[in-house]
PDB file of N, CA and C in Angstrom:
ATOM      1  N   MET A   1     212.664  12.955-214.594  1.00  0.00           N
ATOM      2  CA  MET A   1     213.489  13.331-214.653  1.00  0.00           C
ATOM      3  C   MET A   1     213.588  14.359-213.614  1.00  0.00           C
ATOM      4  N   LYS A   2     214.462  14.011-213.067  1.00  0.00           N
ATOM      5  CA  LYS A   2     214.851  15.127-211.873  1.00  0.00           C
ATOM      6  C   LYS A   2     215.098  16.429-211.937  1.00  0.00           C
ATOM      7  N   PRO A   3     214.513  17.785-212.149  1.00  0.00           N
ATOM      8  CA  PRO A   3     214.867  18.839-212.686  1.00  0.00           C
ATOM      9  C   PRO A   3     216.198  19.418-211.835  1.00  0.00           C
ATOM     10  N   SER A   4     216.953  19.723-212.811  1.00  0.00           N
ATOM     11  CA  SER A   4     218.302  19.923-211.981  1.00  0.00           C
ATOM     12  C   SER A   4     218.786  21.446-211.462  1.00  0.00           C
ATOM     13  N   PHE A   5     219.324  21.605-210.462  1.00  0.00           N
ATOM     14  CA  PHE A   5     219.842  22.730-209.327  1.00  0.00           C
ATOM     15  C   PHE A   5     220.071  23.906-210.505  1.00  0.00           C
ATOM     16  N   THR A   6     220.295  23.949-211.471  1.00  0.00           N
ATOM     17  CA  THR A   6     220.412  25.178-212.794  1.00  0.00           C
ATOM     18  C   THR A   6     219.790  25.747-213.343  1.00  0.00           C
ATOM     19  N   ARG A   7     218.356  24.896-213.313  1.00  0.00           N
ATOM     20  CA  ARG A   7     217.168  24.999-213.585  1.00  0.00           C
ATOM     21  C   ARG A   7     216.612  26.230-212.793  1.00  0.00           C
ATOM     22  N   TRP A   8     216.433  24.851-211.491  1.00  0.00           N
ATOM     23  CA  TRP A   8     215.694  26.083-210.612  1.00  0.00           C
ATOM     24  C   TRP A   8     216.223  27.226-210.327  1.00  0.00           C
ATOM     25  N   PHE A   9     217.714  27.547-210.508  1.00  0.00           N
ATOM     26  CA  PHE A   9     218.048  28.910-209.687  1.00  0.00           C
ATOM     27  C   PHE A   9     217.516  29.422-211.101  1.00  0.00           C
ATOM     28  N   ILE A  10     217.807  29.060-212.129  1.00  0.00           N
ATOM     29  CA  ILE A  10     217.569  30.408-212.881  1.00  0.00           C
ATOM     30  C   ILE A  10     215.901  30.855-212.887  1.00  0.00           C
ATOM     31  N   VAL A  11     215.567  29.918-212.690  1.00  0.00           N
ATOM     32  CA  VAL A  11     213.654  30.204-212.582  1.00  0.00           C
ATOM     33  C   VAL A  11     213.453  31.353-211.014  1.00  0.00           C
ATOM     34  N   SER A  12     213.914  30.849-210.114  1.00  0.00           N
ATOM     35  CA  SER A  12     213.959  31.698-209.151  1.00  0.00           C
ATOM     36  C   SER A  12     214.731  33.568-209.261  1.00  0.00           C
ATOM     37  N   VAL A  13     215.616  33.212-209.838  1.00  0.00           N
ATOM     38  CA  VAL A  13     216.584  34.604-210.988  1.00  0.00           C
ATOM     39  C   VAL A  13     215.015  35.216-210.887  1.00  0.00           C
ATOM     40  N   GLY A  14     214.552  34.345-211.813  1.00  0.00           N
ATOM     41  CA  GLY A  14     213.344  35.243-212.954  1.00  0.00           C
ATOM     42  C   GLY A  14     212.664  36.054-212.001  1.00  0.00           C
ATOM     43  N   ILE A  15     211.931  35.159-211.313  1.00  0.00           N
ATOM     44  CA  ILE A  15     210.815  35.413-210.495  1.00  0.00           C
ATOM     45  C   ILE A  15     211.066  36.600-209.769  1.00  0.00           C
ATOM     46  N   ILE A  16     212.124  36.454-209.356  1.00  0.00           N
ATOM     47  CA  ILE A  16     212.897  37.638-208.103  1.00  0.00           C
ATOM     48  C   ILE A  16     212.567  39.203-209.124  1.00  0.00           C
ATOM     49  N   VAL A  17     213.842  38.743-209.907  1.00  0.00           N
ATOM     50  CA  VAL A  17     213.505  40.346-211.491  1.00  0.00           C
ATOM     51  C   VAL A  17     212.008  40.625-211.412  1.00  0.00           C
ATOM     52  N   ALA A  18     211.170  39.960-211.866  1.00  0.00           N
ATOM     53  CA  ALA A  18     210.007  40.202-212.759  1.00  0.00           C
ATOM     54  C   ALA A  18     209.538  40.880-211.060  1.00  0.00           C
ATOM     55  N   GLY A  19     209.661  40.359-209.861  1.00  0.00           N
ATOM     56  CA  GLY A  19     208.960  40.978-208.660  1.00  0.00           C
ATOM     57  C   GLY A  19     209.189  42.694-208.764  1.00  0.00           C
ATOM     58  N   ALA A  20     210.721  42.288-208.479  1.00  0.00           N
ATOM     59  CA  ALA A  20     211.351  44.032-208.346  1.00  0.00           C
ATOM     60  C   ALA A  20     210.967  44.628-209.367  1.00  0.00           C
ATOM     61  N   ALA A  21     210.985  44.250-209.985  1.00  0.00           N
ATOM     62  CA  ALA A  21     210.069  45.236-211.749  1.00  0.00           C
ATOM     63  C   ALA A  21     208.972  46.092-210.784  1.00  0.00           C
ATOM     64  N   CYS A  22     207.634  45.311-209.681  1.00  0.00           N
ATOM     65  CA  CYS A  22     206.645  45.883-210.376  1.00  0.00           C
ATOM     66  C   CYS A  22     206.791  46.649-208.997  1.00  0.00           C
ATOM     67  N   VAL A  23     207.337  47.686-208.797  1.00  0.00           N
ATOM     68  CA  VAL A  23     207.430  48.332-208.099  1.00  0.00           C
ATOM     69  C   VAL A  23     205.856  50.087-208.272  1.00  0.00           C
ATOM     70  N   PRO A  24     204.815  50.220-206.960  1.00  0.00           N
ATOM     71  CA  PRO A  24     204.002  50.489-208.198  1.00  0.00           C
ATOM     72  C   PRO A  24     204.456  51.882-208.020  1.00  0.00           C
ATOM     73  N   GLU A  25     203.856  53.200-208.808  1.00  0.00           N
ATOM     74  CA  GLU A  25     204.093  54.141-209.439  1.00  0.00           C
ATOM     75  C   GLU A  25     203.178  54.884-207.729  1.00  0.00           C
ATOM     76  N   PRO A  26     203.745  56.115-207.677  1.00  0.00           N
ATOM     77  CA  PRO A  26     203.325  56.484-206.266  1.00  0.00           C
ATOM     78  C   PRO A  26     201.805  57.138-206.726  1.00  0.00           C
ATOM     79  N   LYS A  27     201.247  57.378-207.739  1.00  0.00           N
ATOM     80  CA  LYS A  27     199.871  57.557-208.187  1.00  0.00           C
ATOM     81  C   LYS A  27     199.006  56.932-207.930  1.00  0.00           C
ATOM     82  N   SER A  28     199.695  55.414-207.694  1.00  0.00           N
ATOM     83  CA  SER A  28     198.558  54.409-208.263  1.00  0.00           C
ATOM     84  C   SER A  28     198.049  54.163-206.781  1.00  0.00           C
ATOM     85  N   VAL A  29     199.097  54.532-205.089  1.00  0.00           N
ATOM     86  CA  VAL A  29     198.227  53.831-203.758  1.00  0.00           C
ATOM     87  C   VAL A  29     197.622  55.256-203.144  1.00  0.00           C
ATOM     88  N   PRO A  30     196.196  54.899-202.873  1.00  0.00           N
ATOM     89  CA  PRO A  30     195.726  55.720-202.300  1.00  0.00           C
ATOM     90  C   PRO A  30     195.529  56.331-201.143  1.00  0.00           C
ATOM     91  N   CYS A  31     195.880  57.653-200.415  1.00  0.00           N
ATOM     92  CA  CYS A  31     195.856  57.795-199.304  1.00  0.00           C
ATOM     93  C   CYS A  31     195.262  58.982-198.247  1.00  0.00           C
ATOM     94  N   SER A  32     194.621  58.879-197.182  1.00  0.00           N
ATOM     95  CA  SER A  32     194.005  59.802-196.875  1.00  0.00           C
ATOM     96  C   SER A  32     194.638  60.813-195.473  1.00  0.00           C
ATOM     97  N   ASN A  33     196.306  60.387-194.913  1.00  0.00           N
ATOM     98  CA  ASN A  33     197.168  60.626-194.383  1.00  0.00           C
ATOM     99  C   ASN A  33     198.720  60.255-194.998  1.00  0.00           C
ATOM    100  N   GLN A  34     200.343  60.575-194.142  1.00  0.00           N
ATOM    101  CA  GLN A  34     200.910  59.872-193.800  1.00  0.00           C
ATOM    102  C   GLN A  34     201.198  58.441-193.732  1.00  0.00           C
ATOM    103  N   GLY A  35     200.020  58.108-192.631  1.00  0.00           N
ATOM    104  CA  GLY A  35     200.625  56.881-191.979  1.00  0.00           C
ATOM    105  C   GLY A  35     199.804  55.431-192.936  1.00  0.00           C
ATOM    106  N   ASP A  36     199.104  56.064-193.669  1.00  0.00           N
ATOM    107  CA  ASP A  36     198.237  54.910-194.829  1.00  0.00           C
ATOM    108  C   ASP A  36     199.708  54.677-195.863  1.00  0.00           C
ATOM    109  N   CYS A  37     200.967  55.577-195.798  1.00  0.00           N
ATOM    110  CA  CYS A  37     202.018  55.316-197.154  1.00  0.00           C
ATOM    111  C   CYS A  37     203.121  54.649-196.388  1.00  0.00           C
ATOM    112  N   GLU A  38     203.049  54.797-195.283  1.00  0.00           N
ATOM    113  CA  GLU A  38     204.358  53.971-194.391  1.00  0.00           C
ATOM    114  C   GLU A  38     204.855  52.753-194.523  1.00  0.00           C
ATOM    115  N   GLY A  39     203.121  52.111-194.277  1.00  0.00           N
ATOM    116  CA  GLY A  39     203.603  50.734-194.469  1.00  0.00           C
ATOM    117  C   GLY A  39     203.486  50.214-195.955  1.00  0.00           C
ATOM    118  N   LYS A  40     203.008  50.547-196.366  1.00  0.00           N
ATOM    119  CA  LYS A  40     202.521  50.500-198.054  1.00  0.00           C
ATOM    120  C   LYS A  40     203.992  49.429-199.154  1.00  0.00           C
ATOM    121  N   ASN A  41     204.563  50.911-198.764  1.00  0.00           N
ATOM    122  CA  ASN A  41     206.014  51.076-199.880  1.00  0.00           C
ATOM    123  C   ASN A  41     206.890  51.858-199.955  1.00  0.00           C
ATOM    124  N   VAL A  42     207.820  51.480-198.710  1.00  0.00           N
ATOM    125  CA  VAL A  42     209.196  51.887-198.331  1.00  0.00           C
ATOM    126  C   VAL A  42     209.337  53.265-198.902  1.00  0.00           C
ATOM    127  N   ALA A  43     209.604  53.367-200.291  1.00  0.00           N
ATOM    128  CA  ALA A  43     209.799  54.646-201.107  1.00  0.00           C
ATOM    129  C   ALA A  43     208.898  55.817-201.288  1.00  0.00           C
ATOM    130  N   PHE A  44     207.272  55.161-201.178  1.00  0.00           N
ATOM    131  CA  PHE A  44     206.786  56.282-201.289  1.00  0.00           C
ATOM    132  C   PHE A  44     205.715  56.620-200.052  1.00  0.00           C
ATOM    133  N   GLN A  45     206.548  57.064-199.230  1.00  0.00           N
ATOM    134  CA  GLN A  45     206.314  57.124-197.307  1.00  0.00           C
ATOM    135  C   GLN A  45     205.359  58.431-197.382  1.00  0.00           C
ATOM    136  N   TYR A  46     205.135  59.333-198.504  1.00  0.00           N
ATOM    137  CA  TYR A  46     204.608  60.469-197.511  1.00  0.00           C
ATOM    138  C   TYR A  46     203.246  60.829-198.565  1.00  0.00           C
ATOM    139  N   CYS A  47     202.230  61.532-197.948  1.00  0.00           N
ATOM    140  CA  CYS A  47     200.665  61.609-198.328  1.00  0.00           C
ATOM    141  C   CYS A  47     200.549  62.848-199.307  1.00  0.00           C
ATOM    142  N   LEU A  48     200.411  62.667-200.612  1.00  0.00           N
ATOM    143  CA  LEU A  48     200.277  64.262-201.082  1.00  0.00           C
ATOM    144  C   LEU A  48     199.245  64.158-201.994  1.00  0.00           C
ATOM    145  N   GLU A  49     198.401  65.234-201.825  1.00  0.00           N
ATOM    146  CA  GLU A  49     196.991  65.033-202.720  1.00  0.00           C
ATOM    147  C   GLU A  49     195.943  63.584-202.714  1.00  0.00           C
ATOM    148  N   ARG A  50     196.323  62.845-201.573  1.00  0.00           N
ATOM    149  CA  ARG A  50     195.547  62.010-201.487  1.00  0.00           C
ATOM    150  C   ARG A  50     196.403  60.632-202.313  1.00  0.00           C
ATOM    151  N   ARG A  51     197.450  60.882-202.781  1.00  0.00           N
ATOM    152  CA  ARG A  51     198.468  59.668-203.173  1.00  0.00           C
ATOM    153  C   ARG A  51     199.561  59.696-202.714  1.00  0.00           C
ATOM    154  N   CYS A  52     200.133  58.414-202.302  1.00  0.00           N
ATOM    155  CA  CYS A  52     201.201  57.871-201.706  1.00  0.00           C
ATOM    156  C   CYS A  52     202.521  58.685-202.547  1.00  0.00           C
ATOM    157  N   VAL A  53     203.293  59.217-202.621  1.00  0.00           N
ATOM    158  CA  VAL A  53     204.033  59.611-202.915  1.00  0.00           C
ATOM    159  C   VAL A  53     205.816  59.659-202.468  1.00  0.00           C
ATOM    160  N   GLU A  54     206.765  60.064-203.270  1.00  0.00           N
ATOM    161  CA  GLU A  54     208.409  59.626-203.045  1.00  0.00           C
ATOM    162  C   GLU A  54     208.460  60.675-201.965  1.00  0.00           C
ATOM    163  N   CYS A  55     208.002  61.880-202.579  1.00  0.00           N
ATOM    164  CA  CYS A  55     208.888  63.129-202.128  1.00  0.00           C
ATOM    165  C   CYS A  55     207.929  64.173-201.478  1.00  0.00           C
ATOM    166  N   VAL A  56     208.248  65.464-200.935  1.00  0.00           N
ATOM    167  CA  VAL A  56     207.137  66.250-200.773  1.00  0.00           C
ATOM    168  C   VAL A  56     208.254  67.686-201.441  1.00  0.00           C
ATOM    169  N   SER A  57     209.028  67.719-201.632  1.00  0.00           N
ATOM    170  CA  SER A  57     210.417  68.534-201.558  1.00  0.00           C
ATOM    171  C   SER A  57     211.437  68.044-201.628  1.00  0.00           C
ATOM    172  N   ASP A  58     212.369  69.086-202.252  1.00  0.00           N
ATOM    173  CA  ASP A  58     213.987  68.255-202.697  1.00  0.00           C
ATOM    174  C   ASP A  58     214.487  67.577-201.192  1.00  0.00           C
ATOM    175  N   ALA A  59     214.083  68.582-200.360  1.00  0.00           N
ATOM    176  CA  ALA A  59     215.042  68.045-198.860  1.00  0.00           C
ATOM    177  C   ALA A  59     214.347  66.334-199.082  1.00  0.00           C
ATOM    178  N   SER A  60     213.463  65.747-199.621  1.00  0.00           N
ATOM    179  CA  SER A  60     212.677  64.651-199.199  1.00  0.00           C
ATOM    180  C   SER A  60     213.680  63.755-200.045  1.00  0.00           C
ATOM    181  N   CYS A  61     214.429  64.125-200.797  1.00  0.00           N
ATOM    182  CA  CYS A  61     215.247  63.565-201.924  1.00  0.00           C
ATOM    183  C   CYS A  61     216.796  63.209-201.659  1.00  0.00           C
ATOM    184  N   GLY A  62     217.481  64.000-200.572  1.00  0.00           N
ATOM    185  CA  GLY A  62     218.575  63.936-200.667  1.00  0.00           C
ATOM    186  C   GLY A  62     219.312  65.470-201.303  1.00  0.00           C
ATOM    187  N   MET A  63     220.938  65.247-200.751  1.00  0.00           N
ATOM    188  CA  MET A  63     221.593  66.353-201.288  1.00  0.00           C
ATOM    189  C   MET A  63     221.685  66.102-202.948  1.00  0.00           C
ATOM    190  N   GLY A  64     221.649  67.013-203.310  1.00  0.00           N
ATOM    191  CA  GLY A  64     221.625  67.283-205.248  1.00  0.00           C
ATOM    192  C   GLY A  64     220.726  66.879-206.048  1.00  0.00           C
ATOM    193  N   ASN A  65     219.610  65.978-205.554  1.00  0.00           N
ATOM    194  CA  ASN A  65     218.002  65.646-206.164  1.00  0.00           C
ATOM    195  C   ASN A  65     217.092  66.911-205.813  1.00  0.00           C
ATOM    196  N   THR A  66     216.401  66.020-206.843  1.00  0.00           N
ATOM    197  CA  THR A  66     215.300  67.322-207.072  1.00  0.00           C
ATOM    198  C   THR A  66     213.646  66.546-206.788  1.00  0.00           C
ATOM    199  N   CYS A  67     212.439  67.066-206.273  1.00  0.00           N
ATOM    200  CA  CYS A  67     211.378  66.948-206.219  1.00  0.00           C
ATOM    201  C   CYS A  67     210.700  67.111-206.906  1.00  0.00           C
ATOM    202  N   VAL A  68     210.296  65.809-207.827  1.00  0.00           N
ATOM    203  CA  VAL A  68     208.906  66.651-209.397  1.00  0.00           C
ATOM    204  C   VAL A  68     207.551  65.730-209.193  1.00  0.00           C
ATOM    205  N   ALA A  69     206.843  66.446-208.971  1.00  0.00           N
ATOM    206  CA  ALA A  69     205.386  66.089-209.057  1.00  0.00           C
ATOM    207  C   ALA A  69     205.502  64.507-207.983  1.00  0.00           C
ATOM    208  N   GLY A  70     206.275  64.546-207.140  1.00  0.00           N
ATOM    209  CA  GLY A  70     205.983  63.391-205.680  1.00  0.00           C
ATOM    210  C   GLY A  70     207.373  62.847-206.263  1.00  0.00           C
ATOM    211  N   LEU A  71     208.049  62.851-207.474  1.00  0.00           N
ATOM    212  CA  LEU A  71     209.093  61.901-207.127  1.00  0.00           C
ATOM    213  C   LEU A  71     210.555  62.326-207.551  1.00  0.00           C
ATOM    214  N   CYS A  72     211.440  61.706-206.728  1.00  0.00           N
ATOM    215  CA  CYS A  72     212.403  62.228-206.820  1.00  0.00           C
ATOM    216  C   CYS A  72     213.640  62.176-207.961  1.00  0.00           C
ATOM    217  N   LYS A  73     214.055  63.348-208.603  1.00  0.00           N
ATOM    218  CA  LYS A  73     214.642  62.988-209.769  1.00  0.00           C
ATOM    219  C   LYS A  73     216.409  63.298-209.532  1.00  0.00           C
ATOM    220  N   ARG A  74     216.937  61.853-209.567  1.00  0.00           N
ATOM    221  CA  ARG A  74     218.426  61.885-209.682  1.00  0.00           C
ATOM    222  C   ARG A  74     219.321  62.482-209.932  1.00  0.00           C
ATOM    223  N   SER A  75     220.685  63.116-209.253  1.00  0.00           N
ATOM    224  CA  SER A  75     221.648  64.121-210.097  1.00  0.00           C
ATOM    225  C   SER A  75     222.422  63.064-210.560  1.00  0.00           C
ATOM    226  N   CYS A  76     223.124  63.493-211.915  1.00  0.00           N
ATOM    227  CA  CYS A  76     224.436  62.594-212.381  1.00  0.00           C
ATOM    228  C   CYS A  76     225.014  63.231-213.009  1.00  0.00           C
ATOM    229  N   LYS A  77     226.449  62.439-213.480  1.00  0.00           N
ATOM    230  CA  LYS A  77     227.710  62.840-214.419  1.00  0.00           C
ATOM    231  C   LYS A  77     227.492  62.117-215.076  1.00  0.00           C
ATOM    232  N   ASP A  78     227.075  61.457-215.239  1.00  0.00           N
ATOM    233  CA  ASP A  78     226.987  59.937-216.593  1.00  0.00           C
ATOM    234  C   ASP A  78     226.194  58.874-216.364  1.00  0.00           C
ATOM    235  N   GLY A  79     225.901  57.981-217.171  1.00  0.00           N
ATOM    236  CA  GLY A  79     224.729  57.097-216.881  1.00  0.00           C
ATOM    237  C   GLY A  79     225.572  55.791-215.288  1.00  0.00           C
ATOM    238  N   ARG A  80     226.648  55.740-215.386  1.00  0.00           N
ATOM    239  CA  ARG A  80     226.997  55.176-213.596  1.00  0.00           C
ATOM    240  C   ARG A  80     226.193  55.298-212.467  1.00  0.00           C
ATOM    241  N   ASP A  81     225.743  56.338-212.740  1.00  0.00           N
ATOM    242  CA  ASP A  81     225.059  57.347-211.642  1.00  0.00           C
ATOM    243  C   ASP A  81     223.919  57.031-211.285  1.00  0.00           C
ATOM    244  N   CYS A  82     222.774  56.703-212.354  1.00  0.00           N
ATOM    245  CA  CYS A  82     221.647  55.787-212.386  1.00  0.00           C
ATOM    246  C   CYS A  82     221.514  54.119-212.328  1.00  0.00           C
ATOM    247  N   LEU A  83     220.092  54.707-212.151  1.00  0.00           N
ATOM    248  CA  LEU A  83     219.705  52.963-211.312  1.00  0.00           C
ATOM    249  C   LEU A  83     219.314  52.220-213.376  1.00  0.00           C
ATOM    250  N   ASP A  84     219.515  51.091-212.864  1.00  0.00           N
ATOM    251  CA  ASP A  84     219.367  50.439-214.354  1.00  0.00           C
ATOM    252  C   ASP A  84     218.169  50.582-215.250  1.00  0.00           C
ATOM    253  N   GLY A  85     217.609  51.095-216.589  1.00  0.00           N
ATOM    254  CA  GLY A  85     216.933  51.522-217.437  1.00  0.00           C
ATOM    255  C   GLY A  85     216.497  53.112-216.881  1.00  0.00           C
ATOM    256  N   TYR A  86     217.629  53.726-216.653  1.00  0.00           N
ATOM    257  CA  TYR A  86     217.405  55.155-217.143  1.00  0.00           C
ATOM    258  C   TYR A  86     219.223  55.387-216.990  1.00  0.00           C
ATOM    259  N   ALA A  87     219.098  56.672-217.627  1.00  0.00           N
ATOM    260  CA  ALA A  87     220.144  57.363-218.192  1.00  0.00           C
ATOM    261  C   ALA A  87     220.642  58.602-217.488  1.00  0.00           C
ATOM    262  N   CYS A  88     221.727  59.414-217.984  1.00  0.00           N
ATOM    263  CA  CYS A  88     222.312  60.379-217.182  1.00  0.00           C
ATOM    264  C   CYS A  88     222.172  61.742-218.492  1.00  0.00           C
ATOM    265  N   ALA A  89     220.650  62.190-218.439  1.00  0.00           N
ATOM    266  CA  ALA A  89     220.759  63.636-219.814  1.00  0.00           C
ATOM    267  C   ALA A  89     220.337  65.301-218.681  1.00  0.00           C
ATOM    268  N   ASN A  90     221.208  65.895-219.467  1.00  0.00           N
ATOM    269  CA  ASN A  90     221.020  67.343-218.982  1.00  0.00           C
ATOM    270  C   ASN A  90     221.222  67.096-217.195  1.00  0.00           C
ATOM    271  N   ASP A  91     222.058  66.530-216.819  1.00  0.00           N
ATOM    272  CA  ASP A  91     222.599  65.981-214.972  1.00  0.00           C
ATOM    273  C   ASP A  91     221.465  65.907-214.257  1.00  0.00           C
ATOM    274  N   ARG A  92     220.837  64.960-215.119  1.00  0.00           N
ATOM    275  CA  ARG A  92     219.314  64.830-214.000  1.00  0.00           C
ATOM    276  C   ARG A  92     219.680  62.371-214.745  1.00  0.00           C
ATOM    277  N   CYS A  93     219.048  61.640-213.981  1.00  0.00           N
ATOM    278  CA  CYS A  93     218.887  60.262-214.426  1.00  0.00           C
ATOM    279  C   CYS A  93     217.057  60.414-214.841  1.00  0.00           C
ATOM    280  N   THR A  94     217.157  60.180-216.226  1.00  0.00           N
ATOM    281  CA  THR A  94     215.811  59.581-216.692  1.00  0.00           C
ATOM    282  C   THR A  94     215.593  58.637-217.381  1.00  0.00           C
ATOM    283  N   PRO A  95     214.175  58.214-217.839  1.00  0.00           N
ATOM    284  CA  PRO A  95     214.293  56.809-218.237  1.00  0.00           C
ATOM    285  C   PRO A  95     214.441  56.348-219.747  1.00  0.00           C
ATOM    286  N   LEU A  96     215.239  55.981-219.914  1.00  0.00           N
ATOM    287  CA  LEU A  96     215.404  55.152-221.525  1.00  0.00           C
ATOM    288  C   LEU A  96     214.200  55.303-222.384  1.00  0.00           C
TER     289      LEU A  96
END
């Protein structure tokens, strides 16, 4: 029996979603300089304490956001301002 288009579509979407969920934590990628980070992951382009991180200062995160331990903490007014898997608490997007 020939697999249907719908089945292949669902499997393909599942693989894409699973791959997108595998974003490395910034402290898992070692570096010796900024050049080591720039090509590995667009989100973690700075080298801080020998690890690739998302930010080194609040300015790296954009207006209204803060840099905490190499990660940008996004500001929000409600849950719609946050990515999936995050909620708005005390004006910051935090993991659920």
